[in-house]
Amino acid sequence: MDELTDVQRPDMDQREINQWCMFMHLGLLAGYAVPLGGLVVPIVLWQLKKDASPQIDQHGRMVASAMVSFVLYGILAGILCLVLVGFVLLPAVAICGVVFPIIGGVKANDGEYWPYPLVPKLF
């Protein structure tokens, strides 16, 4: 019997959907192991699985919005280092860039949607 892909298979169980959502959130941390991995991994996972479940698409949009927001916040904090405020903001952005994906991944694995604080819905 031919196996169907996840996109064609309407009976993807909730546990599997939760795992894919978790992988997208935790994929943001891949940048610490592989340069640009934190940008590529979540986007690839989202694009591969977004049609399989609206929940996966919702989490993917949040993760993509978080990526853009963290980059912009980091750039802004870097510029604000010229007036010394950025030296406080830059570590705060870095900490949020690690903590938020972990919290989002844990909640996603439990079947919850957790919008990251201070991250506008861009997608």
N, C-alpha and C. Protein backbone atom coordinates (compact mmCIF):
# COMPACT_ATOMS: atom_id res chain seq x y z
N MET A 1 0.84 -1.17 0.00
CA MET A 1 0.00 0.00 0.00
C MET A 1 0.89 1.24 0.00
N ASP A 2 0.55 2.20 -0.81
CA ASP A 2 1.31 3.44 -0.87
C ASP A 2 1.01 4.29 0.36
N GLU A 3 2.07 4.85 0.92
CA GLU A 3 1.87 5.73 2.06
C GLU A 3 1.52 7.12 1.55
N LEU A 4 0.61 7.77 2.21
CA LEU A 4 0.25 9.13 1.87
C LEU A 4 1.11 10.10 2.66
N THR A 5 1.36 11.24 2.08
CA THR A 5 2.11 12.26 2.81
C THR A 5 1.20 12.88 3.85
N ASP A 6 1.80 13.63 4.79
CA ASP A 6 1.01 14.27 5.83
C ASP A 6 0.03 15.28 5.26
N VAL A 7 0.38 15.90 4.13
CA VAL A 7 -0.50 16.88 3.54
C VAL A 7 -1.76 16.20 3.00
N GLN A 8 -1.62 15.00 2.49
CA GLN A 8 -2.75 14.28 1.93
C GLN A 8 -3.54 13.53 2.99
N ARG A 9 -2.96 13.34 4.14
CA ARG A 9 -3.57 12.50 5.17
C ARG A 9 -4.39 13.37 6.13
N PRO A 10 -5.71 13.31 6.03
CA PRO A 10 -6.52 14.16 6.90
C PRO A 10 -6.58 13.68 8.35
N ASP A 11 -6.14 12.48 8.60
CA ASP A 11 -6.27 11.92 9.95
C ASP A 11 -4.99 12.06 10.77
N MET A 12 -4.22 13.10 10.54
CA MET A 12 -3.03 13.34 11.35
C MET A 12 -3.51 13.54 12.79
N ASP A 13 -3.02 12.73 13.70
CA ASP A 13 -3.53 12.82 15.06
C ASP A 13 -2.98 14.06 15.78
N GLN A 14 -3.67 14.43 16.85
CA GLN A 14 -3.35 15.67 17.55
C GLN A 14 -1.95 15.63 18.15
N ARG A 15 -1.51 14.48 18.59
CA ARG A 15 -0.16 14.37 19.17
C ARG A 15 0.90 14.72 18.13
N GLU A 16 0.70 14.24 16.91
CA GLU A 16 1.65 14.52 15.84
C GLU A 16 1.63 16.00 15.46
N ILE A 17 0.45 16.59 15.43
CA ILE A 17 0.33 18.03 15.15
C ILE A 17 1.05 18.83 16.22
N ASN A 18 0.85 18.46 17.47
CA ASN A 18 1.51 19.16 18.59
C ASN A 18 3.02 19.06 18.47
N GLN A 19 3.52 17.90 18.06
CA GLN A 19 4.97 17.73 17.92
C GLN A 19 5.53 18.62 16.81
N TRP A 20 4.85 18.71 15.68
CA TRP A 20 5.33 19.57 14.61
C TRP A 20 5.34 21.03 15.05
N CYS A 21 4.32 21.43 15.80
CA CYS A 21 4.28 22.81 16.31
C CYS A 21 5.45 23.05 17.26
N MET A 22 5.73 22.08 18.12
CA MET A 22 6.85 22.20 19.05
C MET A 22 8.17 22.31 18.29
N PHE A 23 8.34 21.48 17.24
CA PHE A 23 9.58 21.52 16.46
C PHE A 23 9.79 22.89 15.82
N MET A 24 8.71 23.53 15.38
CA MET A 24 8.85 24.86 14.78
C MET A 24 9.34 25.87 15.80
N HIS A 25 8.76 25.83 17.01
CA HIS A 25 9.19 26.77 18.05
C HIS A 25 10.65 26.52 18.42
N LEU A 26 10.98 25.27 18.66
CA LEU A 26 12.35 24.95 19.07
C LEU A 26 13.34 25.11 17.92
N GLY A 27 12.84 25.12 16.69
CA GLY A 27 13.70 25.35 15.54
C GLY A 27 14.35 26.72 15.56
N LEU A 28 13.73 27.67 16.28
CA LEU A 28 14.34 28.99 16.42
C LEU A 28 15.70 28.90 17.12
N LEU A 29 15.88 27.87 17.94
CA LEU A 29 17.13 27.71 18.67
C LEU A 29 18.22 27.04 17.84
N ALA A 30 17.89 26.57 16.64
CA ALA A 30 18.87 25.90 15.78
C ALA A 30 20.00 26.85 15.37
N GLY A 31 19.75 28.13 15.42
CA GLY A 31 20.77 29.11 15.08
C GLY A 31 21.97 29.08 16.02
N TYR A 32 21.79 28.54 17.20
CA TYR A 32 22.90 28.44 18.14
C TYR A 32 23.83 27.28 17.79
N ALA A 33 23.35 26.33 16.99
CA ALA A 33 24.16 25.19 16.58
C ALA A 33 24.69 25.37 15.17
N VAL A 34 23.88 25.93 14.29
CA VAL A 34 24.24 26.09 12.88
C VAL A 34 23.94 27.54 12.49
N PRO A 35 24.90 28.26 11.91
CA PRO A 35 24.62 29.64 11.50
C PRO A 35 23.40 29.70 10.56
N LEU A 36 22.51 30.62 10.85
CA LEU A 36 21.25 30.84 10.11
C LEU A 36 20.27 29.68 10.24
N GLY A 37 20.59 28.69 11.05
CA GLY A 37 19.67 27.56 11.25
C GLY A 37 18.38 27.99 11.92
N GLY A 38 18.45 28.97 12.78
CA GLY A 38 17.26 29.47 13.46
C GLY A 38 16.30 30.18 12.54
N LEU A 39 16.79 30.60 11.39
CA LEU A 39 15.92 31.23 10.40
C LEU A 39 15.39 30.21 9.40
N VAL A 40 16.21 29.26 9.03
CA VAL A 40 15.85 28.31 7.98
C VAL A 40 14.96 27.19 8.50
N VAL A 41 15.31 26.59 9.62
CA VAL A 41 14.60 25.40 10.12
C VAL A 41 13.11 25.67 10.36
N PRO A 42 12.73 26.72 11.10
CA PRO A 42 11.30 26.93 11.33
C PRO A 42 10.52 27.23 10.04
N ILE A 43 11.13 27.98 9.15
CA ILE A 43 10.43 28.32 7.90
C ILE A 43 10.22 27.08 7.05
N VAL A 44 11.23 26.22 6.96
CA VAL A 44 11.10 24.99 6.18
C VAL A 44 10.04 24.08 6.79
N LEU A 45 10.06 23.91 8.11
CA LEU A 45 9.06 23.08 8.77
C LEU A 45 7.65 23.63 8.54
N TRP A 46 7.50 24.93 8.66
CA TRP A 46 6.20 25.57 8.47
C TRP A 46 5.70 25.36 7.05
N GLN A 47 6.57 25.58 6.07
CA GLN A 47 6.16 25.45 4.68
C GLN A 47 5.83 24.00 4.32
N LEU A 48 6.51 23.05 4.93
CA LEU A 48 6.23 21.64 4.65
C LEU A 48 4.91 21.17 5.25
N LYS A 49 4.54 21.71 6.40
CA LYS A 49 3.40 21.17 7.15
C LYS A 49 2.21 22.11 7.29
N LYS A 50 2.28 23.32 6.76
CA LYS A 50 1.22 24.30 7.00
C LYS A 50 -0.14 23.87 6.44
N ASP A 51 -0.15 23.08 5.39
CA ASP A 51 -1.42 22.64 4.80
C ASP A 51 -1.99 21.41 5.52
N ALA A 52 -1.21 20.81 6.38
CA ALA A 52 -1.67 19.61 7.09
C ALA A 52 -2.65 19.94 8.21
N SER A 53 -2.52 21.13 8.79
CA SER A 53 -3.37 21.49 9.92
C SER A 53 -3.39 23.01 10.09
N PRO A 54 -4.56 23.57 10.36
CA PRO A 54 -4.61 25.01 10.64
C PRO A 54 -3.82 25.38 11.90
N GLN A 55 -3.72 24.45 12.83
CA GLN A 55 -2.97 24.70 14.06
C GLN A 55 -1.48 24.85 13.74
N ILE A 56 -0.96 24.02 12.87
CA ILE A 56 0.45 24.12 12.47
C ILE A 56 0.69 25.45 11.77
N ASP A 57 -0.24 25.85 10.92
CA ASP A 57 -0.11 27.13 10.22
C ASP A 57 -0.12 28.30 11.21
N GLN A 58 -0.97 28.24 12.21
CA GLN A 58 -1.06 29.30 13.21
C GLN A 58 0.25 29.41 13.99
N HIS A 59 0.81 28.29 14.40
CA HIS A 59 2.08 28.31 15.13
C HIS A 59 3.21 28.79 14.22
N GLY A 60 3.18 28.37 12.96
CA GLY A 60 4.21 28.81 12.02
C GLY A 60 4.19 30.31 11.81
N ARG A 61 3.00 30.89 11.74
CA ARG A 61 2.89 32.34 11.59
C ARG A 61 3.46 33.06 12.82
N MET A 62 3.20 32.51 14.01
CA MET A 62 3.73 33.12 15.22
C MET A 62 5.25 33.04 15.25
N VAL A 63 5.79 31.90 14.88
CA VAL A 63 7.24 31.72 14.88
C VAL A 63 7.89 32.66 13.86
N ALA A 64 7.29 32.79 12.68
CA ALA A 64 7.84 33.69 11.66
C ALA A 64 7.79 35.14 12.15
N SER A 65 6.69 35.52 12.79
CA SER A 65 6.59 36.88 13.34
C SER A 65 7.63 37.10 14.43
N ALA A 66 7.88 36.07 15.24
CA ALA A 66 8.88 36.18 16.30
C ALA A 66 10.27 36.36 15.71
N MET A 67 10.58 35.61 14.64
CA MET A 67 11.90 35.74 14.00
C MET A 67 12.14 37.18 13.54
N VAL A 68 11.18 37.72 12.82
CA VAL A 68 11.31 39.08 12.31
C VAL A 68 11.43 40.07 13.46
N SER A 69 10.59 39.90 14.47
CA SER A 69 10.60 40.82 15.61
C SER A 69 11.92 40.77 16.37
N PHE A 70 12.44 39.57 16.62
CA PHE A 70 13.70 39.46 17.36
C PHE A 70 14.86 40.09 16.58
N VAL A 71 14.87 39.93 15.27
CA VAL A 71 15.92 40.55 14.46
C VAL A 71 15.81 42.07 14.53
N LEU A 72 14.59 42.59 14.37
CA LEU A 72 14.41 44.05 14.44
C LEU A 72 14.73 44.60 15.83
N TYR A 73 14.30 43.89 16.88
CA TYR A 73 14.62 44.33 18.24
C TYR A 73 16.13 44.29 18.48
N GLY A 74 16.80 43.30 17.95
CA GLY A 74 18.25 43.21 18.11
C GLY A 74 18.96 44.35 17.39
N ILE A 75 18.52 44.67 16.19
CA ILE A 75 19.12 45.79 15.45
C ILE A 75 18.88 47.10 16.19
N LEU A 76 17.65 47.31 16.65
CA LEU A 76 17.33 48.53 17.39
C LEU A 76 18.15 48.63 18.67
N ALA A 77 18.28 47.54 19.40
CA ALA A 77 19.07 47.55 20.63
C ALA A 77 20.54 47.81 20.32
N GLY A 78 21.03 47.26 19.20
CA GLY A 78 22.42 47.52 18.80
C GLY A 78 22.65 48.99 18.50
N ILE A 79 21.70 49.61 17.82
CA ILE A 79 21.82 51.05 17.54
C ILE A 79 21.74 51.85 18.83
N LEU A 80 20.88 51.43 19.74
CA LEU A 80 20.74 52.15 21.01
C LEU A 80 21.94 51.97 21.93
N CYS A 81 22.87 51.10 21.57
CA CYS A 81 24.12 50.99 22.35
C CYS A 81 24.91 52.28 22.26
N LEU A 82 24.67 53.06 21.21
CA LEU A 82 25.35 54.36 21.07
C LEU A 82 24.97 55.32 22.19
N VAL A 83 23.77 55.15 22.74
CA VAL A 83 23.34 56.00 23.85
C VAL A 83 23.24 55.20 25.16
N LEU A 84 23.93 54.08 25.21
CA LEU A 84 24.10 53.23 26.38
C LEU A 84 22.85 52.43 26.79
N VAL A 85 21.68 52.77 26.30
CA VAL A 85 20.47 52.05 26.66
C VAL A 85 20.50 50.65 26.06
N GLY A 86 21.10 50.52 24.89
CA GLY A 86 21.15 49.24 24.20
C GLY A 86 21.92 48.17 24.94
N PHE A 87 22.84 48.57 25.80
CA PHE A 87 23.61 47.58 26.55
C PHE A 87 22.73 46.82 27.55
N VAL A 88 21.61 47.40 27.92
CA VAL A 88 20.64 46.72 28.77
C VAL A 88 19.65 45.94 27.91
N LEU A 89 19.25 46.55 26.79
CA LEU A 89 18.24 45.94 25.93
C LEU A 89 18.76 44.72 25.16
N LEU A 90 20.00 44.76 24.72
CA LEU A 90 20.55 43.67 23.91
C LEU A 90 20.55 42.33 24.66
N PRO A 91 20.99 42.28 25.91
CA PRO A 91 20.89 41.00 26.64
C PRO A 91 19.44 40.58 26.88
N ALA A 92 18.54 41.56 27.07
CA ALA A 92 17.12 41.23 27.27
C ALA A 92 16.53 40.59 26.01
N VAL A 93 16.90 41.12 24.85
CA VAL A 93 16.43 40.54 23.58
C VAL A 93 17.00 39.13 23.43
N ALA A 94 18.27 38.94 23.76
CA ALA A 94 18.89 37.62 23.64
C ALA A 94 18.23 36.61 24.58
N ILE A 95 17.94 37.02 25.80
CA ILE A 95 17.28 36.11 26.75
C ILE A 95 15.89 35.75 26.26
N CYS A 96 15.14 36.74 25.78
CA CYS A 96 13.79 36.46 25.26
C CYS A 96 13.87 35.56 24.03
N GLY A 97 14.92 35.71 23.23
CA GLY A 97 15.10 34.88 22.05
C GLY A 97 15.36 33.42 22.38
N VAL A 98 15.76 33.14 23.59
CA VAL A 98 15.95 31.75 24.04
C VAL A 98 14.75 31.26 24.84
N VAL A 99 14.26 32.07 25.74
CA VAL A 99 13.20 31.64 26.65
C VAL A 99 11.85 31.50 25.94
N PHE A 100 11.49 32.47 25.09
CA PHE A 100 10.18 32.43 24.43
C PHE A 100 9.99 31.19 23.56
N PRO A 101 10.97 30.79 22.72
CA PRO A 101 10.77 29.57 21.95
C PRO A 101 10.64 28.31 22.81
N ILE A 102 11.34 28.28 23.93
CA ILE A 102 11.22 27.11 24.82
C ILE A 102 9.82 27.05 25.42
N ILE A 103 9.33 28.18 25.91
CA ILE A 103 7.98 28.20 26.47
C ILE A 103 6.95 27.88 25.39
N GLY A 104 7.11 28.48 24.21
CA GLY A 104 6.20 28.21 23.11
C GLY A 104 6.22 26.75 22.69
N GLY A 105 7.39 26.14 22.68
CA GLY A 105 7.51 24.73 22.31
C GLY A 105 6.86 23.81 23.32
N VAL A 106 7.04 24.10 24.60
CA VAL A 106 6.43 23.27 25.65
C VAL A 106 4.91 23.39 25.59
N LYS A 107 4.42 24.62 25.43
CA LYS A 107 2.97 24.82 25.35
C LYS A 107 2.41 24.18 24.09
N ALA A 108 3.12 24.28 22.97
CA ALA A 108 2.66 23.67 21.72
C ALA A 108 2.58 22.16 21.86
N ASN A 109 3.53 21.57 22.54
CA ASN A 109 3.51 20.12 22.74
C ASN A 109 2.32 19.70 23.62
N ASP A 110 1.85 20.61 24.46
CA ASP A 110 0.67 20.35 25.29
C ASP A 110 -0.63 20.68 24.57
N GLY A 111 -0.51 21.16 23.32
CA GLY A 111 -1.71 21.48 22.53
C GLY A 111 -2.21 22.90 22.71
N GLU A 112 -1.41 23.77 23.33
CA GLU A 112 -1.81 25.16 23.56
C GLU A 112 -1.12 26.08 22.57
N TYR A 113 -1.79 27.18 22.26
CA TYR A 113 -1.19 28.23 21.43
C TYR A 113 -0.78 29.35 22.37
N TRP A 114 0.49 29.73 22.34
CA TRP A 114 0.99 30.78 23.22
C TRP A 114 1.60 31.88 22.36
N PRO A 115 0.91 33.01 22.21
CA PRO A 115 1.50 34.11 21.46
C PRO A 115 2.65 34.74 22.26
N TYR A 116 3.77 34.92 21.61
CA TYR A 116 4.93 35.48 22.30
C TYR A 116 4.61 36.91 22.74
N PRO A 117 4.96 37.29 23.97
CA PRO A 117 4.77 38.68 24.39
C PRO A 117 5.65 39.62 23.56
N LEU A 118 5.16 40.79 23.31
CA LEU A 118 5.87 41.84 22.57
C LEU A 118 6.15 41.50 21.12
N VAL A 119 5.49 40.48 20.59
CA VAL A 119 5.66 40.09 19.19
C VAL A 119 4.35 40.31 18.46
N PRO A 120 4.31 41.31 17.59
CA PRO A 120 3.06 41.56 16.85
C PRO A 120 2.84 40.48 15.79
N LYS A 121 1.59 40.25 15.45
CA LYS A 121 1.26 39.28 14.42
C LYS A 121 1.53 39.92 13.06
N LEU A 122 2.65 39.57 12.46
CA LEU A 122 3.05 40.12 11.18
C LEU A 122 2.56 39.28 10.01
N PHE A 123 2.33 38.01 10.25
CA PHE A 123 1.92 37.10 9.19
C PHE A 123 0.56 36.50 9.51
